[in-house]
């Protein structure tokens, strides 16, 4: 198993060193003044990948419970290793994904870029979106990527081709979030983070009405295809959340958006 140092020097397990460092930059964008995370909180991480979010939270807070879900075995094995490396006994990991029903479906796994892996490979059919994401990531790359500015633009198509090379279909197990909440007897979710490459709406559809009240905050990466952004925003507003949409600088010209939602406090 590979290891790499994040920009702050922290050593983590990884599949791709550059991807792990970019994921760290991505996660830092979640830690803003919109959502509040505190010691003693319970965090659900759907689409955990190799566990950078859970690892960072485990270092920031002395006591925090994290339930992380990753359905692709090759990625899950690194997630599990990072949960152990974090030394947080409450960093729990599960080798299945979350959706709107309990079933087994095909995922497309990209060994050269695990973060692209998805049950919706059509979201990556747009060469324009992928190219803009690549350009944005290189432009807003980690500070130690001194070499990024020296990559000539004519190389970009070759980089994209390599990222998607040797993809393979893998059977993955999915469960509904309501099933997980009941099985794990979770009474409160201080933060629900969803980053599952096109499956975000189905994750929300797998929530029973009785479970919404226990969810205080959400961070959702949304691929805005088929009006998905507005559908999710309308759902969150209906469930009494204040929402804010933020585009990461590196993804500004793509259809990717981050939704931050905070439950409105009602008084009687």
Protein backbone atom coordinates (compact mmCIF):
# COMPACT_ATOMS: atom_id res chain seq x y z
CA UNK A 1 0.00 0.00 0.00
CA UNK A 2 1.35 3.40 -0.97
CA UNK A 3 1.85 6.26 1.45
CA UNK A 4 2.11 9.98 0.86
CA UNK A 5 2.45 13.21 2.82
CA UNK A 6 -0.36 15.72 2.68
CA UNK A 7 0.45 19.43 2.31
CA UNK A 8 0.66 19.77 6.11
CA UNK A 9 3.16 16.90 6.29
CA UNK A 10 0.68 14.33 7.60
CA UNK A 11 1.41 10.80 6.40
CA UNK A 12 -1.56 8.84 4.98
CA UNK A 13 -2.16 5.67 2.99
CA UNK A 14 -3.24 6.15 -0.61
CA UNK A 15 -3.71 4.66 -4.05
CA UNK A 16 -2.51 7.77 -5.88
CA UNK A 17 -0.27 10.29 -4.11
CA UNK A 18 -1.40 13.26 -6.20
CA UNK A 19 -5.06 12.35 -5.81
CA UNK A 20 -4.74 12.05 -2.02
CA UNK A 21 -3.16 15.51 -1.86
CA UNK A 22 -5.90 16.96 -4.08
CA UNK A 23 -8.58 15.30 -1.94
CA UNK A 24 -7.03 17.03 1.08
CA UNK A 25 -7.38 20.40 -0.67
CA UNK A 26 -10.98 19.51 -1.52
CA UNK A 27 -11.76 18.55 2.08
CA UNK A 28 -10.30 21.80 3.41
CA UNK A 29 -13.02 23.58 1.45
CA UNK A 30 -15.60 21.86 3.66
CA UNK A 31 -14.14 23.34 6.82
CA UNK A 32 -15.63 26.80 6.60
CA UNK A 33 -17.85 28.97 8.78
CA UNK A 34 -21.13 27.57 7.41
CA UNK A 35 -21.21 24.16 9.07
CA UNK A 36 -20.07 23.68 12.66
CA UNK A 37 -18.23 20.58 13.85
CA UNK A 38 -17.42 20.03 17.52
CA UNK A 39 -15.99 17.44 19.89
CA UNK A 40 -18.50 14.68 20.54
CA UNK A 41 -20.21 15.02 17.15
CA UNK A 42 -21.32 12.16 14.93
CA UNK A 43 -20.41 12.47 11.25
CA UNK A 44 -21.64 10.29 8.39
CA UNK A 45 -19.28 10.22 5.40
CA UNK A 46 -20.88 8.74 2.27
CA UNK A 47 -18.46 8.20 -0.59
CA UNK A 48 -15.55 8.31 1.83
CA UNK A 49 -12.95 7.26 -0.76
CA UNK A 50 -9.68 6.65 1.14
CA UNK A 51 -10.93 8.48 4.23
CA UNK A 52 -9.18 11.85 4.08
CA UNK A 53 -12.21 13.63 5.58
CA UNK A 54 -12.45 11.23 8.52
CA UNK A 55 -8.68 11.35 9.00
CA UNK A 56 -8.62 15.16 9.10
CA UNK A 57 -11.54 15.32 11.54
CA UNK A 58 -9.89 12.71 13.75
CA UNK A 59 -6.84 14.95 14.02
CA UNK A 60 -8.83 18.15 14.62
CA UNK A 61 -11.08 16.79 17.37
CA UNK A 62 -10.19 14.70 20.41
CA UNK A 63 -13.54 12.95 20.50
CA UNK A 64 -15.54 12.48 17.31
CA UNK A 65 -17.50 9.57 15.84
CA UNK A 66 -17.23 9.01 12.09
CA UNK A 67 -19.12 6.41 10.05
CA UNK A 68 -17.51 6.15 6.60
CA UNK A 69 -18.93 4.21 3.65
CA UNK A 70 -17.00 3.07 0.58
CA UNK A 71 -18.31 0.24 -1.65
CA UNK A 72 -15.25 -0.45 -3.86
CA UNK A 73 -13.01 -2.98 -2.13
CA UNK A 74 -9.68 -1.66 -3.44
CA UNK A 75 -10.52 1.81 -2.13
CA UNK A 76 -12.13 0.47 1.05
CA UNK A 77 -8.91 -1.33 2.03
CA UNK A 78 -7.07 2.02 2.04
CA UNK A 79 -9.95 3.68 3.92
CA UNK A 80 -9.70 1.00 6.59
CA UNK A 81 -5.92 1.45 6.85
CA UNK A 82 -6.33 5.22 7.27
CA UNK A 83 -8.98 4.76 9.95
CA UNK A 84 -6.47 2.67 11.90
CA UNK A 85 -3.68 5.18 11.21
CA UNK A 86 -5.86 7.98 12.61
CA UNK A 87 -5.84 6.28 16.05
CA UNK A 88 -9.48 7.28 16.45
CA UNK A 89 -11.30 4.23 17.78
CA UNK A 90 -14.60 5.81 16.75
CA UNK A 91 -13.60 6.13 13.09
CA UNK A 92 -15.82 3.31 11.78
CA UNK A 93 -15.65 2.07 8.18
CA UNK A 94 -18.08 0.01 6.10
CA UNK A 95 -17.51 -1.80 2.80
CA UNK A 96 -20.79 -0.85 1.17
CA UNK A 97 -22.28 2.27 -0.34
CA UNK A 98 -25.51 4.15 0.27
CA UNK A 99 -28.44 4.52 -2.14
CA UNK A 100 -32.24 4.46 -2.33
CA UNK A 101 -32.57 0.69 -1.90
CA UNK A 102 -30.67 -2.31 -0.60
CA UNK A 103 -29.18 -4.03 -3.64
CA UNK A 104 -26.02 -4.90 -5.57
CA UNK A 105 -25.12 -2.96 -8.73
CA UNK A 106 -22.21 -2.38 -11.09
CA UNK A 107 -19.69 0.37 -10.36
CA UNK A 108 -17.02 1.59 -12.76
CA UNK A 109 -13.68 1.64 -10.99
CA UNK A 110 -10.83 3.81 -12.35
CA UNK A 111 -7.56 2.46 -10.84
CA UNK A 112 -5.57 5.50 -12.04
CA UNK A 113 -8.05 7.94 -10.53
CA UNK A 114 -10.17 6.23 -7.86
CA UNK A 115 -12.09 9.44 -7.05
CA UNK A 116 -13.77 9.21 -10.47
CA UNK A 117 -15.20 5.77 -9.66
CA UNK A 118 -18.97 5.74 -9.86
CA UNK A 119 -22.18 3.85 -10.50
CA UNK A 120 -22.97 6.60 -13.03
CA UNK A 121 -20.07 6.51 -15.52
CA UNK A 122 -22.10 8.70 -17.88
CA UNK A 123 -21.35 11.71 -15.64
CA UNK A 124 -17.82 11.59 -17.05
CA UNK A 125 -18.95 11.47 -20.69
CA UNK A 126 -18.40 15.22 -21.01
CA UNK A 127 -14.82 15.81 -22.13
CA UNK A 128 -15.37 19.52 -21.52
CA UNK A 129 -16.22 19.03 -17.84
CA UNK A 130 -13.29 16.71 -17.26
CA UNK A 131 -10.92 19.05 -19.05
CA UNK A 132 -12.13 22.04 -17.03
CA UNK A 133 -11.75 20.03 -13.82
CA UNK A 134 -8.19 19.08 -14.76
CA UNK A 135 -7.29 22.67 -15.63
CA UNK A 136 -8.86 23.94 -12.43
CA UNK A 137 -7.13 21.35 -10.24
CA UNK A 138 -3.75 22.19 -11.77
CA UNK A 139 -4.35 25.93 -11.43
CA UNK A 140 -5.48 25.62 -7.80
CA UNK A 141 -3.20 22.74 -6.90
CA UNK A 142 -1.56 22.15 -3.49
CA UNK A 143 1.32 24.50 -2.74
CA UNK A 144 3.92 21.77 -3.09
CA UNK A 145 2.86 21.01 -6.67
CA UNK A 146 5.52 23.35 -8.05
CA UNK A 147 5.63 21.26 -11.22
CA UNK A 148 1.95 21.79 -12.14
CA UNK A 149 2.55 25.12 -13.91
CA UNK A 150 5.11 23.51 -16.20
CA UNK A 151 2.70 20.98 -17.74
CA UNK A 152 1.98 22.10 -21.33
CA UNK A 153 -1.70 22.22 -22.31
CA UNK A 154 -1.22 19.82 -25.21
CA UNK A 155 -0.49 17.11 -22.62
CA UNK A 156 -3.90 17.51 -20.93
CA UNK A 157 -5.81 15.10 -23.24
CA UNK A 158 -3.19 12.44 -22.57
CA UNK A 159 -3.56 12.96 -18.81
CA UNK A 160 -7.35 12.53 -19.08
CA UNK A 161 -6.93 9.40 -21.18
CA UNK A 162 -4.59 7.95 -18.57
CA UNK A 163 -6.96 8.78 -15.69
CA UNK A 164 -9.71 6.70 -17.30
CA UNK A 165 -7.45 3.94 -18.61
CA UNK A 166 -7.98 0.32 -17.47
CA UNK A 167 -11.39 1.01 -15.95
CA UNK A 168 -13.30 -2.06 -14.83
CA UNK A 169 -16.78 -3.05 -13.71
CA UNK A 170 -17.15 -4.15 -10.09
CA UNK A 171 -20.19 -5.46 -8.21
CA UNK A 172 -20.86 -3.33 -5.14
CA UNK A 173 -23.33 -3.57 -2.31
CA UNK A 174 -25.55 -0.60 -1.45
CA UNK A 175 -27.84 0.04 1.53
CA UNK A 176 -30.28 2.82 2.31
CA UNK A 177 -29.23 5.43 4.86
CA UNK A 178 -32.36 4.72 6.91
CA UNK A 179 -31.36 1.05 7.08
CA UNK A 180 -27.91 2.06 8.34
CA UNK A 181 -29.31 4.52 10.88
CA UNK A 182 -31.53 1.84 12.38
CA UNK A 183 -28.90 -0.90 12.29
CA UNK A 184 -26.25 1.27 13.96
CA UNK A 185 -28.83 2.85 16.30
CA UNK A 186 -27.73 6.37 15.42
CA UNK A 187 -29.75 8.95 17.34
CA UNK A 188 -28.20 12.13 15.98
CA UNK A 189 -26.21 13.06 12.88
CA UNK A 190 -24.39 16.35 13.40
CA UNK A 191 -23.07 16.30 9.85
CA UNK A 192 -24.01 14.21 6.83
CA UNK A 193 -21.41 14.50 4.06
CA UNK A 194 -22.28 13.06 0.63
CA UNK A 195 -19.74 12.84 -2.18
CA UNK A 196 -20.66 9.80 -4.24
CA UNK A 197 -20.12 10.77 -7.88
CA UNK A 198 -23.66 11.05 -9.24
CA UNK A 199 -25.58 9.01 -6.65
CA UNK A 200 -26.26 11.92 -4.29
CA UNK A 201 -29.99 12.24 -5.02
CA UNK A 202 -30.58 8.52 -4.49
CA UNK A 203 -28.86 8.76 -1.11
CA UNK A 204 -31.41 11.35 -0.03
CA UNK A 205 -34.26 9.32 -1.52
CA UNK A 206 -33.21 6.47 0.78
CA UNK A 207 -34.02 8.51 3.88
CA UNK A 208 -37.33 7.85 5.64
CA UNK A 209 -39.23 10.92 6.80
CA UNK A 210 -38.67 9.97 10.44
CA UNK A 211 -34.89 10.19 10.00
CA UNK A 212 -34.66 13.74 8.65
CA UNK A 213 -35.14 15.40 12.07
CA UNK A 214 -31.93 13.86 13.45
CA UNK A 215 -29.77 15.37 10.68
CA UNK A 216 -28.46 18.79 11.72
CA UNK A 217 -26.18 19.67 8.79
CA UNK A 218 -25.31 18.40 5.32
CA UNK A 219 -22.51 18.88 2.82
CA UNK A 220 -23.36 17.47 -0.61
CA UNK A 221 -21.29 17.49 -3.78
CA UNK A 222 -23.82 17.65 -6.61
CA UNK A 223 -23.33 16.83 -10.28
CA UNK A 224 -25.89 19.17 -11.81
CA UNK A 225 -27.31 16.88 -14.47
CA UNK A 226 -31.04 16.51 -15.17
CA UNK A 227 -31.74 19.55 -12.93
CA UNK A 228 -30.38 17.66 -9.93
CA UNK A 229 -29.08 20.75 -8.15
CA UNK A 230 -32.49 22.43 -8.00
CA UNK A 231 -34.23 19.18 -7.06
CA UNK A 232 -31.94 18.71 -4.07
CA UNK A 233 -32.13 22.38 -3.06
CA UNK A 234 -35.94 22.24 -3.12
CA UNK A 235 -35.93 19.06 -1.03
CA UNK A 236 -33.63 20.57 1.60
CA UNK A 237 -35.68 23.74 1.83
CA UNK A 238 -38.82 21.62 2.21
CA UNK A 239 -37.10 19.80 5.08
CA UNK A 240 -36.43 23.18 6.78
CA UNK A 241 -32.74 23.72 6.02
CA UNK A 242 -30.99 26.96 5.18
CA UNK A 243 -28.86 26.22 2.13
CA UNK A 244 -25.89 27.76 0.40
CA UNK A 245 -24.26 26.68 -2.86
CA UNK A 246 -20.53 27.17 -3.33
CA UNK A 247 -18.40 26.47 -6.38
CA UNK A 248 -14.84 25.48 -5.60
CA UNK A 249 -12.34 27.63 -7.54
CA UNK A 250 -10.81 24.51 -9.10
CA UNK A 251 -14.23 23.35 -10.34
CA UNK A 252 -15.67 26.73 -11.26
CA UNK A 253 -16.25 25.85 -14.93
CA UNK A 254 -17.72 22.39 -14.31
CA UNK A 255 -21.23 21.25 -13.36
CA UNK A 256 -20.04 20.35 -9.84
CA UNK A 257 -21.45 22.28 -6.88
CA UNK A 258 -21.14 21.97 -3.10
CA UNK A 259 -24.34 22.39 -1.10
CA UNK A 260 -24.04 23.37 2.56
CA UNK A 261 -27.27 22.94 4.53
CA UNK A 262 -28.02 23.78 8.16
CA UNK A 263 -31.25 22.81 9.92
CA UNK A 264 -33.32 25.80 11.00
CA UNK A 265 -34.01 25.83 14.72
CA UNK A 266 -37.70 26.11 15.47
CA UNK A 267 -38.98 27.48 18.77
CA UNK A 268 -42.37 26.99 20.30
